[in-house]
Amino acid sequence: MSNKPINDTPKCDVPGCSHEAALSTDGTEKDSQGLNRPAVKNVNVCEPHLNWPHSEDAKAFTLTDAYKKRSK
């Protein structure tokens, strides 16, 4: 997980989190819970939320305007 976060000073995409992002996912990250859930691509996360891209909430985030603008 050495990908650099998207944007100049990105924040974690987890709702309610305002920490600086530690990385931006590329979709190949492994689920640390061992559930083999795929990671959402192009999601910024901070260290405490490294497993969030594998969640249903992250999938829902891909439907938001913020994510759609980023993915263009």
N, C-alpha and C. Protein backbone atom coordinates (compact mmCIF):
# COMPACT_ATOMS: atom_id res chain seq x y z
N MET A 1 0.82 -1.18 0.00
CA MET A 1 0.00 0.00 0.00
C MET A 1 0.87 1.25 0.00
N SER A 2 1.56 1.46 -1.07
CA SER A 2 2.45 2.60 -1.14
C SER A 2 1.92 3.68 -2.07
N ASN A 3 0.68 3.59 -2.47
CA ASN A 3 0.12 4.60 -3.36
C ASN A 3 -0.01 5.92 -2.63
N LYS A 4 0.28 6.99 -3.35
CA LYS A 4 0.14 8.31 -2.77
C LYS A 4 -1.32 8.73 -2.88
N PRO A 5 -1.81 9.48 -1.90
CA PRO A 5 -3.19 9.95 -1.95
C PRO A 5 -3.42 10.87 -3.15
N ILE A 6 -4.67 10.92 -3.59
CA ILE A 6 -5.07 11.78 -4.69
C ILE A 6 -5.17 13.22 -4.16
N ASN A 7 -4.91 14.20 -5.02
CA ASN A 7 -5.00 15.62 -4.71
C ASN A 7 -3.79 16.08 -3.91
N ASP A 8 -3.69 17.38 -3.63
CA ASP A 8 -2.54 17.92 -2.93
C ASP A 8 -2.58 17.62 -1.43
N THR A 9 -3.68 17.92 -0.80
CA THR A 9 -3.83 17.66 0.64
C THR A 9 -5.14 16.92 0.87
N PRO A 10 -5.20 15.68 0.44
CA PRO A 10 -6.46 14.93 0.54
C PRO A 10 -6.81 14.56 1.97
N LYS A 11 -8.08 14.44 2.20
CA LYS A 11 -8.60 13.99 3.48
C LYS A 11 -9.18 12.60 3.29
N CYS A 12 -9.27 11.89 4.37
CA CYS A 12 -9.85 10.55 4.36
C CYS A 12 -11.31 10.65 3.90
N ASP A 13 -11.73 9.72 3.04
CA ASP A 13 -13.09 9.73 2.51
C ASP A 13 -14.13 9.11 3.44
N VAL A 14 -13.70 8.55 4.55
CA VAL A 14 -14.65 7.95 5.49
C VAL A 14 -15.50 9.08 6.07
N PRO A 15 -16.84 8.94 6.00
CA PRO A 15 -17.71 9.99 6.53
C PRO A 15 -17.38 10.33 7.98
N GLY A 16 -17.24 11.61 8.26
CA GLY A 16 -16.96 12.08 9.60
C GLY A 16 -15.49 12.11 9.96
N CYS A 17 -14.63 11.56 9.13
CA CYS A 17 -13.19 11.57 9.40
C CYS A 17 -12.57 12.77 8.70
N SER A 18 -11.71 13.47 9.40
CA SER A 18 -11.06 14.64 8.79
C SER A 18 -9.55 14.50 8.77
N HIS A 19 -9.06 13.29 9.02
CA HIS A 19 -7.61 13.08 9.00
C HIS A 19 -7.07 13.15 7.57
N GLU A 20 -5.80 13.47 7.46
CA GLU A 20 -5.16 13.45 6.15
C GLU A 20 -5.07 12.01 5.67
N ALA A 21 -5.27 11.82 4.38
CA ALA A 21 -5.21 10.48 3.81
C ALA A 21 -3.78 9.97 3.80
N ALA A 22 -3.63 8.69 4.11
CA ALA A 22 -2.31 8.04 4.07
C ALA A 22 -2.07 7.42 2.70
N LEU A 23 -3.15 7.06 2.01
CA LEU A 23 -3.01 6.45 0.69
C LEU A 23 -4.30 6.55 -0.09
N SER A 24 -4.16 6.32 -1.37
CA SER A 24 -5.30 6.21 -2.27
C SER A 24 -5.29 4.79 -2.81
N THR A 25 -6.42 4.12 -2.75
CA THR A 25 -6.47 2.72 -3.17
C THR A 25 -6.39 2.59 -4.68
N ASP A 26 -5.85 1.47 -5.12
CA ASP A 26 -5.83 1.17 -6.55
C ASP A 26 -6.70 -0.04 -6.88
N GLY A 27 -7.39 -0.55 -5.87
CA GLY A 27 -8.29 -1.67 -6.07
C GLY A 27 -7.66 -3.03 -5.86
N THR A 28 -6.36 -3.08 -5.59
CA THR A 28 -5.68 -4.36 -5.41
C THR A 28 -5.38 -4.66 -3.94
N GLU A 29 -5.75 -3.76 -3.05
CA GLU A 29 -5.45 -3.94 -1.63
C GLU A 29 -6.16 -5.18 -1.07
N LYS A 30 -5.52 -5.80 -0.11
CA LYS A 30 -6.06 -7.00 0.52
C LYS A 30 -6.92 -6.62 1.71
N ASP A 31 -7.99 -7.34 1.90
CA ASP A 31 -8.90 -7.17 3.03
C ASP A 31 -8.22 -7.72 4.28
N SER A 32 -7.93 -6.86 5.25
CA SER A 32 -7.22 -7.31 6.45
C SER A 32 -8.08 -8.20 7.33
N GLN A 33 -9.38 -8.24 7.08
CA GLN A 33 -10.25 -9.11 7.88
C GLN A 33 -10.33 -10.52 7.28
N GLY A 34 -9.66 -10.74 6.18
CA GLY A 34 -9.63 -12.07 5.60
C GLY A 34 -10.91 -12.50 4.92
N LEU A 35 -11.76 -11.55 4.58
CA LEU A 35 -13.05 -11.87 3.95
C LEU A 35 -12.97 -11.85 2.43
N ASN A 36 -11.81 -11.52 1.89
CA ASN A 36 -11.58 -11.47 0.45
C ASN A 36 -12.52 -10.53 -0.29
N ARG A 37 -12.91 -9.45 0.38
CA ARG A 37 -13.75 -8.44 -0.27
C ARG A 37 -12.86 -7.57 -1.15
N PRO A 38 -13.29 -7.24 -2.36
CA PRO A 38 -12.48 -6.37 -3.21
C PRO A 38 -12.45 -4.94 -2.65
N ALA A 39 -11.38 -4.25 -2.92
CA ALA A 39 -11.26 -2.85 -2.50
C ALA A 39 -11.81 -1.94 -3.59
N VAL A 40 -12.43 -0.85 -3.17
CA VAL A 40 -12.90 0.17 -4.10
C VAL A 40 -11.67 0.95 -4.56
N LYS A 41 -11.58 1.24 -5.84
CA LYS A 41 -10.46 1.98 -6.42
C LYS A 41 -10.67 3.49 -6.24
N ASN A 42 -9.57 4.22 -6.09
CA ASN A 42 -9.57 5.69 -6.00
C ASN A 42 -10.26 6.22 -4.75
N VAL A 43 -10.04 5.57 -3.63
CA VAL A 43 -10.58 6.02 -2.35
C VAL A 43 -9.41 6.45 -1.48
N ASN A 44 -9.51 7.63 -0.87
CA ASN A 44 -8.49 8.13 0.04
C ASN A 44 -8.83 7.68 1.46
N VAL A 45 -7.85 7.11 2.15
CA VAL A 45 -8.07 6.67 3.52
C VAL A 45 -6.87 7.01 4.40
N CYS A 46 -7.14 7.23 5.68
CA CYS A 46 -6.09 7.46 6.66
C CYS A 46 -5.69 6.11 7.27
N GLU A 47 -4.65 6.10 8.06
CA GLU A 47 -4.16 4.85 8.66
C GLU A 47 -5.24 4.08 9.42
N PRO A 48 -6.05 4.72 10.29
CA PRO A 48 -7.06 3.95 11.02
C PRO A 48 -8.14 3.33 10.13
N HIS A 49 -8.30 3.83 8.93
CA HIS A 49 -9.37 3.36 8.05
C HIS A 49 -8.87 2.57 6.84
N LEU A 50 -7.73 1.94 6.95
CA LEU A 50 -7.15 1.23 5.81
C LEU A 50 -8.03 0.10 5.27
N ASN A 51 -8.91 -0.44 6.09
CA ASN A 51 -9.76 -1.54 5.62
C ASN A 51 -11.13 -1.03 5.12
N TRP A 52 -11.42 0.26 5.27
CA TRP A 52 -12.70 0.81 4.87
C TRP A 52 -13.00 0.62 3.38
N PRO A 53 -12.02 0.68 2.48
CA PRO A 53 -12.32 0.52 1.05
C PRO A 53 -12.96 -0.83 0.69
N HIS A 54 -12.96 -1.77 1.61
CA HIS A 54 -13.56 -3.09 1.37
C HIS A 54 -15.00 -3.15 1.86
N SER A 55 -15.50 -2.08 2.44
CA SER A 55 -16.83 -2.09 3.07
C SER A 55 -17.96 -1.73 2.11
N GLU A 56 -19.16 -2.03 2.54
CA GLU A 56 -20.35 -1.64 1.78
C GLU A 56 -20.47 -0.12 1.75
N ASP A 57 -20.03 0.55 2.81
CA ASP A 57 -20.06 2.02 2.85
C ASP A 57 -19.16 2.61 1.76
N ALA A 58 -18.03 1.99 1.52
CA ALA A 58 -17.13 2.47 0.46
C ALA A 58 -17.78 2.29 -0.90
N LYS A 59 -18.47 1.18 -1.09
CA LYS A 59 -19.18 0.96 -2.35
C LYS A 59 -20.26 2.02 -2.55
N ALA A 60 -20.95 2.38 -1.47
CA ALA A 60 -21.97 3.43 -1.54
C ALA A 60 -21.33 4.78 -1.87
N PHE A 61 -20.12 5.01 -1.37
CA PHE A 61 -19.40 6.26 -1.63
C PHE A 61 -19.15 6.45 -3.12
N THR A 62 -19.00 5.37 -3.86
CA THR A 62 -18.74 5.47 -5.30
C THR A 62 -19.94 6.05 -6.06
N LEU A 63 -21.08 6.11 -5.42
CA LEU A 63 -22.28 6.66 -6.06
C LEU A 63 -22.43 8.16 -5.82
N THR A 64 -21.55 8.74 -5.00
CA THR A 64 -21.65 10.16 -4.67
C THR A 64 -21.01 11.03 -5.75
N ASP A 65 -21.43 12.27 -5.80
CA ASP A 65 -20.86 13.22 -6.76
C ASP A 65 -19.37 13.44 -6.49
N ALA A 66 -18.97 13.46 -5.24
CA ALA A 66 -17.55 13.67 -4.90
C ALA A 66 -16.68 12.59 -5.54
N TYR A 67 -17.13 11.36 -5.48
CA TYR A 67 -16.35 10.27 -6.07
C TYR A 67 -16.41 10.33 -7.61
N LYS A 68 -17.57 10.59 -8.14
CA LYS A 68 -17.72 10.63 -9.60
C LYS A 68 -16.86 11.73 -10.21
N LYS A 69 -16.75 12.88 -9.56
CA LYS A 69 -15.91 13.97 -10.07
C LYS A 69 -14.44 13.55 -10.05
N ARG A 70 -14.04 12.85 -9.03
CA ARG A 70 -12.66 12.41 -8.89
C ARG A 70 -12.29 11.38 -9.94
N SER A 71 -13.23 10.55 -10.32
CA SER A 71 -12.96 9.44 -11.22
C SER A 71 -12.92 9.86 -12.68
N LYS A 72 -13.21 11.11 -12.98
CA LYS A 72 -13.20 11.55 -14.38
C LYS A 72 -11.80 11.70 -14.91
